[in-house]
Amino acid sequence: MNIQDERTEQEKKTYNILISASRRNRGRYANEQKSFKFGWACKNILHANKIFNWVKNRNDMKFVKLHLDRVWSPKKDDVVSIFKVNEYHPAV
């Protein structure tokens, strides 16, 4: 599994509410076995709710989920990117 996480080890303790989603259209990667997953790490539930709705309304995302307990287990072949959401994010 290839995980790219913008958070530092310290930030993983405070940005611990995750919204996960899968890319709806893999484009040129459609024939590959890899799946592209995305996570948005939030500091508080208010930001998490706004990001959840923002991701849910995107046409390119599917299987949007909110993880309050930091448990998210992508498959071993997935390519995962986790973004840190701060107060400057357009959806917040």
Protein backbone atom coordinates (compact mmCIF):
# COMPACT_ATOMS: atom_id res chain seq x y z
CA MET A 1 0.00 0.00 0.00
CA ASN A 2 1.31 3.41 -0.96
CA ILE A 3 0.22 6.08 1.55
CA GLN A 4 1.05 9.76 1.25
CA ASP A 5 -0.02 11.63 4.39
CA GLU A 6 0.43 15.41 4.73
CA ARG A 7 0.25 15.21 8.53
CA THR A 8 3.24 14.98 10.83
CA GLU A 9 3.25 12.33 13.56
CA GLN A 10 2.18 15.01 16.07
CA GLU A 11 -0.62 16.24 13.79
CA LYS A 12 -2.00 12.71 13.49
CA LYS A 13 -3.02 13.04 17.15
CA THR A 14 -5.01 16.24 16.62
CA TYR A 15 -6.18 15.87 13.01
CA ASN A 16 -7.77 12.53 13.82
CA ILE A 17 -11.25 12.71 12.27
CA LEU A 18 -11.05 11.25 8.76
CA ILE A 19 -13.30 11.45 5.74
CA SER A 20 -12.46 8.79 3.16
CA ALA A 21 -13.55 8.39 -0.45
CA SER A 22 -12.68 6.53 -3.63
CA ARG A 23 -12.16 8.05 -7.02
CA ARG A 24 -15.20 7.37 -9.20
CA ASN A 25 -13.41 7.42 -12.56
CA ARG A 26 -9.88 6.11 -12.68
CA GLY A 27 -9.31 7.41 -16.21
CA ARG A 28 -6.14 5.97 -17.73
CA TYR A 29 -5.76 3.64 -14.75
CA ALA A 30 -9.11 1.91 -15.36
CA ASN A 31 -7.47 -1.40 -16.31
CA GLU A 32 -5.20 -1.50 -13.29
CA GLN A 33 -6.03 -3.40 -10.14
CA LYS A 34 -5.07 -0.43 -7.98
CA SER A 35 -7.76 1.69 -6.43
CA PHE A 36 -7.21 5.34 -5.58
CA LYS A 37 -8.42 6.39 -2.12
CA PHE A 38 -8.40 9.82 -0.56
CA GLY A 39 -8.67 10.96 3.03
CA TRP A 40 -9.22 14.36 4.54
CA ALA A 41 -8.01 14.69 8.14
CA CYS A 42 -9.91 17.20 10.28
CA LYS A 43 -9.26 18.66 13.70
CA ASN A 44 -12.89 19.08 14.79
CA ILE A 45 -16.34 17.73 13.95
CA LEU A 46 -17.53 21.06 12.51
CA HIS A 47 -14.80 20.97 9.86
CA ALA A 48 -15.40 17.24 9.34
CA ASN A 49 -19.11 17.76 8.61
CA LYS A 50 -18.36 20.50 6.09
CA ILE A 51 -15.66 18.43 4.37
CA PHE A 52 -17.91 15.36 4.34
CA ASN A 53 -20.63 17.29 2.52
CA TRP A 54 -18.09 18.85 0.16
CA VAL A 55 -16.63 15.45 -0.79
CA LYS A 56 -20.09 13.83 -1.01
CA ASN A 57 -21.17 16.48 -3.53
CA ARG A 58 -18.15 15.98 -5.77
CA ASN A 59 -18.93 14.06 -8.96
CA ASP A 60 -15.55 12.35 -9.00
CA MET A 61 -15.86 10.69 -5.56
CA LYS A 62 -17.80 7.68 -4.30
CA PHE A 63 -18.07 5.64 -1.10
CA VAL A 64 -17.67 8.70 1.14
CA LYS A 65 -17.36 7.76 4.83
CA LEU A 66 -16.72 9.54 8.11
CA HIS A 67 -14.29 7.87 10.55
CA LEU A 68 -14.50 9.31 14.06
CA ASP A 69 -12.30 6.66 15.62
CA ARG A 70 -9.36 7.02 13.22
CA VAL A 71 -9.93 3.47 11.95
CA TRP A 72 -9.59 3.30 8.19
CA SER A 73 -8.13 0.26 6.55
CA PRO A 74 -7.54 0.66 2.82
CA LYS A 75 -6.64 -2.50 0.91
CA LYS A 76 -2.99 -3.37 0.42
CA ASP A 77 -3.02 -2.51 -3.30
CA ASP A 78 -4.66 0.89 -2.82
CA VAL A 79 -2.91 4.16 -3.51
CA VAL A 80 -3.86 6.50 -0.64
CA SER A 81 -3.48 10.26 -0.22
CA ILE A 82 -4.43 11.94 3.07
CA PHE A 83 -4.84 15.70 3.14
CA LYS A 84 -4.78 17.87 6.25
CA VAL A 85 -7.79 20.22 6.45
CA ASN A 86 -7.21 23.57 8.12
CA GLU A 87 -9.31 26.69 8.47
CA TYR A 88 -8.17 27.90 5.03
CA HIS A 89 -9.75 25.02 3.11
CA PRO A 90 -12.43 26.34 0.69
CA ALA A 91 -15.11 24.03 2.11
CA VAL A 92 -14.53 25.26 5.67
